[in-house]
Amino acid sequence: MKVLESEAFSDQKIREYAQQLAGDVPLKEVKEGVYVAKLSDGTKVTLRSVSSSNNETKARWTIDIRNNPSLSKAGNKKIEIKFR
């Protein structure tokens, strides 16, 4: 797991980065602090401010990328990026 030293990044910049990863599909809030975009290729991009490892990582935001065909070919089913 990688936690980026990103205290200088605003919440807005992190949201913009997550939206760039989702491309043209808007991130929609599915519950408080959780935003999801489901792409046509099956990829699911999630931006969340909640995490079970929050006490350990001190992350403000986490971006999960799941079911991406390119990542699956490389043997990864999920990528997780955490921002402090």
PDB file of N, CA and C in Angstrom:
ATOM      1  N   MET A   1       0.842  -1.167   0.000  1.00  0.00           N
ATOM      2  CA  MET A   1       0.000   0.000   0.000  1.00  0.00           C
ATOM      3  C   MET A   1       0.890   1.233   0.000  1.00  0.00           C
ATOM      4  N   LYS A   2       0.560   2.179  -0.829  1.00  0.00           N
ATOM      5  CA  LYS A   2       1.321   3.424  -0.936  1.00  0.00           C
ATOM      6  C   LYS A   2       0.458   4.567  -0.418  1.00  0.00           C
ATOM      7  N   VAL A   3       1.018   5.337   0.519  1.00  0.00           N
ATOM      8  CA  VAL A   3       0.354   6.537   1.020  1.00  0.00           C
ATOM      9  C   VAL A   3       1.186   7.727   0.576  1.00  0.00           C
ATOM     10  N   LEU A   4       0.591   8.602  -0.209  1.00  0.00           N
ATOM     11  CA  LEU A   4       1.312   9.760  -0.727  1.00  0.00           C
ATOM     12  C   LEU A   4       1.331  10.882   0.300  1.00  0.00           C
ATOM     13  N   GLU A   5       2.497  11.462   0.478  1.00  0.00           N
ATOM     14  CA  GLU A   5       2.634  12.647   1.330  1.00  0.00           C
ATOM     15  C   GLU A   5       2.031  13.800   0.545  1.00  0.00           C
ATOM     16  N   SER A   6       0.773  14.047   0.756  1.00  0.00           N
ATOM     17  CA  SER A   6       0.041  14.966  -0.119  1.00  0.00           C
ATOM     18  C   SER A   6      -0.699  16.039   0.663  1.00  0.00           C
ATOM     19  N   GLU A   7      -0.157  16.413   1.801  1.00  0.00           N
ATOM     20  CA  GLU A   7      -0.818  17.420   2.616  1.00  0.00           C
ATOM     21  C   GLU A   7      -1.010  18.738   1.865  1.00  0.00           C
ATOM     22  N   ALA A   8      -0.135  19.011   0.903  1.00  0.00           N
ATOM     23  CA  ALA A   8      -0.229  20.263   0.140  1.00  0.00           C
ATOM     24  C   ALA A   8      -1.347  20.221  -0.900  1.00  0.00           C
ATOM     25  N   PHE A   9      -1.866  19.033  -1.211  1.00  0.00           N
ATOM     26  CA  PHE A   9      -2.947  18.917  -2.191  1.00  0.00           C
ATOM     27  C   PHE A   9      -4.269  19.263  -1.518  1.00  0.00           C
ATOM     28  N   SER A  10      -5.041  20.115  -2.150  1.00  0.00           N
ATOM     29  CA  SER A  10      -6.364  20.427  -1.612  1.00  0.00           C
ATOM     30  C   SER A  10      -7.307  19.258  -1.893  1.00  0.00           C
ATOM     31  N   ASP A  11      -8.396  19.205  -1.140  1.00  0.00           N
ATOM     32  CA  ASP A  11      -9.412  18.185  -1.396  1.00  0.00           C
ATOM     33  C   ASP A  11      -9.916  18.298  -2.832  1.00  0.00           C
ATOM     34  N   GLN A  12     -10.064  19.519  -3.310  1.00  0.00           N
ATOM     35  CA  GLN A  12     -10.540  19.747  -4.676  1.00  0.00           C
ATOM     36  C   GLN A  12      -9.568  19.159  -5.700  1.00  0.00           C
ATOM     37  N   LYS A  13      -8.266  19.330  -5.505  1.00  0.00           N
ATOM     38  CA  LYS A  13      -7.270  18.771  -6.435  1.00  0.00           C
ATOM     39  C   LYS A  13      -7.345  17.245  -6.456  1.00  0.00           C
ATOM     40  N   ILE A  14      -7.537  16.635  -5.297  1.00  0.00           N
ATOM     41  CA  ILE A  14      -7.640  15.174  -5.233  1.00  0.00           C
ATOM     42  C   ILE A  14      -8.902  14.714  -5.952  1.00  0.00           C
ATOM     43  N   ARG A  15     -10.007  15.425  -5.767  1.00  0.00           N
ATOM     44  CA  ARG A  15     -11.246  15.084  -6.475  1.00  0.00           C
ATOM     45  C   ARG A  15     -11.057  15.234  -7.987  1.00  0.00           C
ATOM     46  N   GLU A  16     -10.362  16.287  -8.405  1.00  0.00           N
ATOM     47  CA  GLU A  16     -10.103  16.489  -9.838  1.00  0.00           C
ATOM     48  C   GLU A  16      -9.253  15.356 -10.407  1.00  0.00           C
ATOM     49  N   TYR A  17      -8.274  14.896  -9.651  1.00  0.00           N
ATOM     50  CA  TYR A  17      -7.433  13.781 -10.099  1.00  0.00           C
ATOM     51  C   TYR A  17      -8.273  12.513 -10.262  1.00  0.00           C
ATOM     52  N   ALA A  18      -9.129  12.242  -9.286  1.00  0.00           N
ATOM     53  CA  ALA A  18     -10.001  11.068  -9.382  1.00  0.00           C
ATOM     54  C   ALA A  18     -10.903  11.178 -10.608  1.00  0.00           C
ATOM     55  N   GLN A  19     -11.408  12.368 -10.881  1.00  0.00           N
ATOM     56  CA  GLN A  19     -12.265  12.555 -12.044  1.00  0.00           C
ATOM     57  C   GLN A  19     -11.484  12.350 -13.337  1.00  0.00           C
ATOM     58  N   GLN A  20     -10.225  12.758 -13.368  1.00  0.00           N
ATOM     59  CA  GLN A  20      -9.389  12.503 -14.545  1.00  0.00           C
ATOM     60  C   GLN A  20      -9.249  11.006 -14.786  1.00  0.00           C
ATOM     61  N   LEU A  21      -9.085  10.240 -13.713  1.00  0.00           N
ATOM     62  CA  LEU A  21      -8.968   8.787 -13.851  1.00  0.00           C
ATOM     63  C   LEU A  21     -10.262   8.172 -14.375  1.00  0.00           C
ATOM     64  N   ALA A  22     -11.392   8.781 -14.037  1.00  0.00           N
ATOM     65  CA  ALA A  22     -12.695   8.276 -14.477  1.00  0.00           C
ATOM     66  C   ALA A  22     -13.050   8.746 -15.885  1.00  0.00           C
ATOM     67  N   GLY A  23     -12.297   9.695 -16.411  1.00  0.00           N
ATOM     68  CA  GLY A  23     -12.555  10.183 -17.763  1.00  0.00           C
ATOM     69  C   GLY A  23     -13.860  10.953 -17.854  1.00  0.00           C
ATOM     70  N   ASP A  24     -14.677  10.608 -18.850  1.00  0.00           N
ATOM     71  CA  ASP A  24     -15.926  11.333 -19.105  1.00  0.00           C
ATOM     72  C   ASP A  24     -17.070  10.910 -18.190  1.00  0.00           C
ATOM     73  N   VAL A  25     -16.871   9.867 -17.399  1.00  0.00           N
ATOM     74  CA  VAL A  25     -17.937   9.376 -16.521  1.00  0.00           C
ATOM     75  C   VAL A  25     -17.866  10.134 -15.197  1.00  0.00           C
ATOM     76  N   PRO A  26     -18.913  10.874 -14.855  1.00  0.00           N
ATOM     77  CA  PRO A  26     -18.851  11.662 -13.618  1.00  0.00           C
ATOM     78  C   PRO A  26     -18.849  10.782 -12.372  1.00  0.00           C
ATOM     79  N   LEU A  27     -18.076  11.209 -11.387  1.00  0.00           N
ATOM     80  CA  LEU A  27     -18.110  10.559 -10.080  1.00  0.00           C
ATOM     81  C   LEU A  27     -19.406  10.972  -9.394  1.00  0.00           C
ATOM     82  N   LYS A  28     -20.177   9.988  -8.932  1.00  0.00           N
ATOM     83  CA  LYS A  28     -21.448  10.274  -8.269  1.00  0.00           C
ATOM     84  C   LYS A  28     -21.350   9.856  -6.811  1.00  0.00           C
ATOM     85  N   GLU A  29     -21.864  10.707  -5.930  1.00  0.00           N
ATOM     86  CA  GLU A  29     -21.847  10.380  -4.504  1.00  0.00           C
ATOM     87  C   GLU A  29     -22.884   9.293  -4.241  1.00  0.00           C
ATOM     88  N   VAL A  30     -22.427   8.139  -3.726  1.00  0.00           N
ATOM     89  CA  VAL A  30     -23.327   7.026  -3.437  1.00  0.00           C
ATOM     90  C   VAL A  30     -23.683   6.962  -1.954  1.00  0.00           C
ATOM     91  N   LYS A  31     -22.834   7.516  -1.122  1.00  0.00           N
ATOM     92  CA  LYS A  31     -23.124   7.743   0.288  1.00  0.00           C
ATOM     93  C   LYS A  31     -22.125   8.776   0.777  1.00  0.00           C
ATOM     94  N   GLU A  32     -22.332   9.274   1.964  1.00  0.00           N
ATOM     95  CA  GLU A  32     -21.492  10.364   2.447  1.00  0.00           C
ATOM     96  C   GLU A  32     -20.015   9.989   2.392  1.00  0.00           C
ATOM     97  N   GLY A  33     -19.242  10.796   1.659  1.00  0.00           N
ATOM     98  CA  GLY A  33     -17.804  10.588   1.567  1.00  0.00           C
ATOM     99  C   GLY A  33     -17.362   9.524   0.585  1.00  0.00           C
ATOM    100  N   VAL A  34     -18.287   8.975  -0.220  1.00  0.00           N
ATOM    101  CA  VAL A  34     -17.944   7.930  -1.196  1.00  0.00           C
ATOM    102  C   VAL A  34     -18.524   8.304  -2.564  1.00  0.00           C
ATOM    103  N   TYR A  35     -17.629   8.400  -3.555  1.00  0.00           N
ATOM    104  CA  TYR A  35     -18.006   8.768  -4.921  1.00  0.00           C
ATOM    105  C   TYR A  35     -17.551   7.655  -5.859  1.00  0.00           C
ATOM    106  N   VAL A  36     -18.407   7.286  -6.818  1.00  0.00           N
ATOM    107  CA  VAL A  36     -18.113   6.153  -7.697  1.00  0.00           C
ATOM    108  C   VAL A  36     -18.403   6.514  -9.149  1.00  0.00           C
ATOM    109  N   ALA A  37     -17.542   6.019 -10.043  1.00  0.00           N
ATOM    110  CA  ALA A  37     -17.774   6.085 -11.488  1.00  0.00           C
ATOM    111  C   ALA A  37     -17.571   4.682 -12.042  1.00  0.00           C
ATOM    112  N   LYS A  38     -18.560   4.189 -12.794  1.00  0.00           N
ATOM    113  CA  LYS A  38     -18.454   2.878 -13.441  1.00  0.00           C
ATOM    114  C   LYS A  38     -18.264   3.111 -14.931  1.00  0.00           C
ATOM    115  N   LEU A  39     -17.109   2.688 -15.433  1.00  0.00           N
ATOM    116  CA  LEU A  39     -16.753   2.935 -16.829  1.00  0.00           C
ATOM    117  C   LEU A  39     -17.269   1.823 -17.731  1.00  0.00           C
ATOM    118  N   SER A  40     -17.363   2.098 -19.017  1.00  0.00           N
ATOM    119  CA  SER A  40     -17.936   1.146 -19.969  1.00  0.00           C
ATOM    120  C   SER A  40     -17.117  -0.130 -20.106  1.00  0.00           C
ATOM    121  N   ASP A  41     -15.815  -0.088 -19.783  1.00  0.00           N
ATOM    122  CA  ASP A  41     -14.979  -1.291 -19.895  1.00  0.00           C
ATOM    123  C   ASP A  41     -15.016  -2.152 -18.633  1.00  0.00           C
ATOM    124  N   GLY A  42     -15.866  -1.774 -17.669  1.00  0.00           N
ATOM    125  CA  GLY A  42     -15.981  -2.538 -16.429  1.00  0.00           C
ATOM    126  C   GLY A  42     -15.176  -1.970 -15.273  1.00  0.00           C
ATOM    127  N   THR A  43     -14.326  -0.999 -15.555  1.00  0.00           N
ATOM    128  CA  THR A  43     -13.521  -0.373 -14.505  1.00  0.00           C
ATOM    129  C   THR A  43     -14.422   0.395 -13.551  1.00  0.00           C
ATOM    130  N   LYS A  44     -14.108   0.295 -12.270  1.00  0.00           N
ATOM    131  CA  LYS A  44     -14.827   1.054 -11.247  1.00  0.00           C
ATOM    132  C   LYS A  44     -13.818   1.932 -10.519  1.00  0.00           C
ATOM    133  N   VAL A  45     -14.036   3.253 -10.569  1.00  0.00           N
ATOM    134  CA  VAL A  45     -13.181   4.219  -9.881  1.00  0.00           C
ATOM    135  C   VAL A  45     -13.959   4.731  -8.673  1.00  0.00           C
ATOM    136  N   THR A  46     -13.368   4.592  -7.492  1.00  0.00           N
ATOM    137  CA  THR A  46     -14.010   5.044  -6.258  1.00  0.00           C
ATOM    138  C   THR A  46     -13.104   6.041  -5.557  1.00  0.00           C
ATOM    139  N   LEU A  47     -13.670   7.158  -5.175  1.00  0.00           N
ATOM    140  CA  LEU A  47     -12.994   8.148  -4.338  1.00  0.00           C
ATOM    141  C   LEU A  47     -13.721   8.137  -3.005  1.00  0.00           C
ATOM    142  N   ARG A  48     -12.962   7.954  -1.921  1.00  0.00           N
ATOM    143  CA  ARG A  48     -13.629   7.887  -0.615  1.00  0.00           C
ATOM    144  C   ARG A  48     -12.799   8.566   0.459  1.00  0.00           C
ATOM    145  N   SER A  49     -13.524   9.145   1.402  1.00  0.00           N
ATOM    146  CA  SER A  49     -12.869   9.780   2.543  1.00  0.00           C
ATOM    147  C   SER A  49     -12.977   8.906   3.781  1.00  0.00           C
ATOM    148  N   VAL A  50     -13.542   7.721   3.627  1.00  0.00           N
ATOM    149  CA  VAL A  50     -13.665   6.770   4.732  1.00  0.00           C
ATOM    150  C   VAL A  50     -12.780   5.567   4.449  1.00  0.00           C
ATOM    151  N   SER A  51     -12.158   5.035   5.509  1.00  0.00           N
ATOM    152  CA  SER A  51     -11.249   3.907   5.342  1.00  0.00           C
ATOM    153  C   SER A  51     -11.101   3.174   6.664  1.00  0.00           C
ATOM    154  N   SER A  52     -11.060   1.857   6.602  1.00  0.00           N
ATOM    155  CA  SER A  52     -10.856   1.075   7.826  1.00  0.00           C
ATOM    156  C   SER A  52      -9.434   1.223   8.347  1.00  0.00           C
ATOM    157  N   SER A  53      -8.505   1.642   7.492  1.00  0.00           N
ATOM    158  CA  SER A  53      -7.110   1.802   7.915  1.00  0.00           C
ATOM    159  C   SER A  53      -6.764   3.264   8.206  1.00  0.00           C
ATOM    160  N   ASN A  54      -7.772   4.102   8.380  1.00  0.00           N
ATOM    161  CA  ASN A  54      -7.544   5.537   8.562  1.00  0.00           C
ATOM    162  C   ASN A  54      -6.622   5.845   9.736  1.00  0.00           C
ATOM    163  N   ASN A  55      -6.791   5.159  10.854  1.00  0.00           N
ATOM    164  CA  ASN A  55      -5.929   5.415  12.015  1.00  0.00           C
ATOM    165  C   ASN A  55      -4.477   5.066  11.717  1.00  0.00           C
ATOM    166  N   GLU A  56      -4.269   4.032  10.932  1.00  0.00           N
ATOM    167  CA  GLU A  56      -2.919   3.580  10.588  1.00  0.00           C
ATOM    168  C   GLU A  56      -2.258   4.478   9.543  1.00  0.00           C
ATOM    169  N   THR A  57      -2.997   4.821   8.495  1.00  0.00           N
ATOM    170  CA  THR A  57      -2.405   5.538   7.364  1.00  0.00           C
ATOM    171  C   THR A  57      -2.546   7.055   7.457  1.00  0.00           C
ATOM    172  N   LYS A  58      -3.516   7.519   8.212  1.00  0.00           N
ATOM    173  CA  LYS A  58      -3.822   8.960   8.315  1.00  0.00           C
ATOM    174  C   LYS A  58      -4.238   9.551   6.965  1.00  0.00           C
ATOM    175  N   ALA A  59      -4.778   8.709   6.101  1.00  0.00           N
ATOM    176  CA  ALA A  59      -5.190   9.162   4.769  1.00  0.00           C
ATOM    177  C   ALA A  59      -6.488   9.962   4.845  1.00  0.00           C
ATOM    178  N   ARG A  60      -6.519  11.091   4.117  1.00  0.00           N
ATOM    179  CA  ARG A  60      -7.749  11.886   3.999  1.00  0.00           C
ATOM    180  C   ARG A  60      -8.656  11.306   2.930  1.00  0.00           C
ATOM    181  N   TRP A  61      -8.043  10.877   1.830  1.00  0.00           N
ATOM    182  CA  TRP A  61      -8.790  10.359   0.689  1.00  0.00           C
ATOM    183  C   TRP A  61      -8.111   9.097   0.169  1.00  0.00           C
ATOM    184  N   THR A  62      -8.913   8.199  -0.383  1.00  0.00           N
ATOM    185  CA  THR A  62      -8.412   6.997  -1.046  1.00  0.00           C
ATOM    186  C   THR A  62      -9.095   6.890  -2.400  1.00  0.00           C
ATOM    187  N   ILE A  63      -8.312   6.577  -3.425  1.00  0.00           N
ATOM    188  CA  ILE A  63      -8.860   6.274  -4.745  1.00  0.00           C
ATOM    189  C   ILE A  63      -8.618   4.792  -4.994  1.00  0.00           C
ATOM    190  N   ASP A  64      -9.695   4.063  -5.273  1.00  0.00           N
ATOM    191  CA  ASP A  64      -9.614   2.647  -5.646  1.00  0.00           C
ATOM    192  C   ASP A  64      -9.937   2.527  -7.127  1.00  0.00           C
ATOM    193  N   ILE A  65      -9.156   1.724  -7.836  1.00  0.00           N
ATOM    194  CA  ILE A  65      -9.449   1.395  -9.228  1.00  0.00           C
ATOM    195  C   ILE A  65      -9.567  -0.120  -9.282  1.00  0.00           C
ATOM    196  N   ARG A  66     -10.740  -0.599  -9.659  1.00  0.00           N
ATOM    197  CA  ARG A  66     -11.008  -2.042  -9.694  1.00  0.00           C
ATOM    198  C   ARG A  66     -11.485  -2.465 -11.083  1.00  0.00           C
ATOM    199  N   ASN A  67     -11.220  -3.727 -11.390  1.00  0.00           N
ATOM    200  CA  ASN A  67     -11.718  -4.376 -12.606  1.00  0.00           C
ATOM    201  C   ASN A  67     -11.274  -3.702 -13.900  1.00  0.00           C
ATOM    202  N   ASN A  68     -10.127  -3.048 -13.881  1.00  0.00           N
ATOM    203  CA  ASN A  68      -9.605  -2.429 -15.091  1.00  0.00           C
ATOM    204  C   ASN A  68      -8.958  -3.511 -15.950  1.00  0.00           C
ATOM    205  N   PRO A  69      -9.364  -3.653 -17.213  1.00  0.00           N
ATOM    206  CA  PRO A  69      -8.813  -4.709 -18.064  1.00  0.00           C
ATOM    207  C   PRO A  69      -7.286  -4.671 -18.176  1.00  0.00           C
ATOM    208  N   SER A  70      -6.690  -3.497 -18.275  1.00  0.00           N
ATOM    209  CA  SER A  70      -5.229  -3.399 -18.388  1.00  0.00           C
ATOM    210  C   SER A  70      -4.543  -3.862 -17.115  1.00  0.00           C
ATOM    211  N   LEU A  71      -5.100  -3.501 -15.967  1.00  0.00           N
ATOM    212  CA  LEU A  71      -4.520  -3.934 -14.694  1.00  0.00           C
ATOM    213  C   LEU A  71      -4.672  -5.438 -14.511  1.00  0.00           C
ATOM    214  N   SER A  72      -5.805  -5.971 -14.959  1.00  0.00           N
ATOM    215  CA  SER A  72      -6.040  -7.409 -14.829  1.00  0.00           C
ATOM    216  C   SER A  72      -5.014  -8.215 -15.615  1.00  0.00           C
ATOM    217  N   LYS A  73      -4.638  -7.718 -16.794  1.00  0.00           N
ATOM    218  CA  LYS A  73      -3.622  -8.402 -17.597  1.00  0.00           C
ATOM    219  C   LYS A  73      -2.289  -8.452 -16.865  1.00  0.00           C
ATOM    220  N   ALA A  74      -2.031  -7.433 -16.041  1.00  0.00           N
ATOM    221  CA  ALA A  74      -0.780  -7.374 -15.271  1.00  0.00           C
ATOM    222  C   ALA A  74      -0.887  -8.141 -13.953  1.00  0.00           C
ATOM    223  N   GLY A  75      -2.049  -8.755 -13.713  1.00  0.00           N
ATOM    224  CA  GLY A  75      -2.220  -9.546 -12.500  1.00  0.00           C
ATOM    225  C   GLY A  75      -2.788  -8.781 -11.321  1.00  0.00           C
ATOM    226  N   ASN A  76      -3.151  -7.523 -11.534  1.00  0.00           N
ATOM    227  CA  ASN A  76      -3.725  -6.713 -10.456  1.00  0.00           C
ATOM    228  C   ASN A  76      -5.225  -6.563 -10.654  1.00  0.00           C
ATOM    229  N   LYS A  77      -5.983  -6.843  -9.621  1.00  0.00           N
ATOM    230  CA  LYS A  77      -7.422  -6.640  -9.690  1.00  0.00           C
ATOM    231  C   LYS A  77      -7.814  -5.291  -9.111  1.00  0.00           C
ATOM    232  N   LYS A  78      -6.914  -4.706  -8.314  1.00  0.00           N
ATOM    233  CA  LYS A  78      -7.251  -3.457  -7.627  1.00  0.00           C
ATOM    234  C   LYS A  78      -5.992  -2.626  -7.399  1.00  0.00           C
ATOM    235  N   ILE A  79      -6.131  -1.327  -7.597  1.00  0.00           N
ATOM    236  CA  ILE A  79      -5.084  -0.365  -7.249  1.00  0.00           C
ATOM    237  C   ILE A  79      -5.690   0.569  -6.210  1.00  0.00           C
ATOM    238  N   GLU A  80      -4.932   0.886  -5.184  1.00  0.00           N
ATOM    239  CA  GLU A  80      -5.401   1.788  -4.132  1.00  0.00           C
ATOM    240  C   GLU A  80      -4.360   2.884  -3.938  1.00  0.00           C
ATOM    241  N   ILE A  81      -4.795   4.137  -4.042  1.00  0.00           N
ATOM    242  CA  ILE A  81      -3.917   5.291  -3.843  1.00  0.00           C
ATOM    243  C   ILE A  81      -4.466   6.078  -2.664  1.00  0.00           C
ATOM    244  N   LYS A  82      -3.636   6.289  -1.663  1.00  0.00           N
ATOM    245  CA  LYS A  82      -4.076   7.015  -0.465  1.00  0.00           C
ATOM    246  C   LYS A  82      -3.378   8.366  -0.398  1.00  0.00           C
ATOM    247  N   PHE A  83      -4.135   9.373  -0.005  1.00  0.00           N
ATOM    248  CA  PHE A  83      -3.629  10.743   0.106  1.00  0.00           C
ATOM    249  C   PHE A  83      -3.757  11.217   1.543  1.00  0.00           C
ATOM    250  N   ARG A  84      -2.650  11.675   2.108  1.00  0.00           N
ATOM    251  CA  ARG A  84      -2.690  12.241   3.464  1.00  0.00           C
ATOM    252  C   ARG A  84      -3.176  13.654   3.416  1.00  0.00           C
TER     253      ARG A  84
END
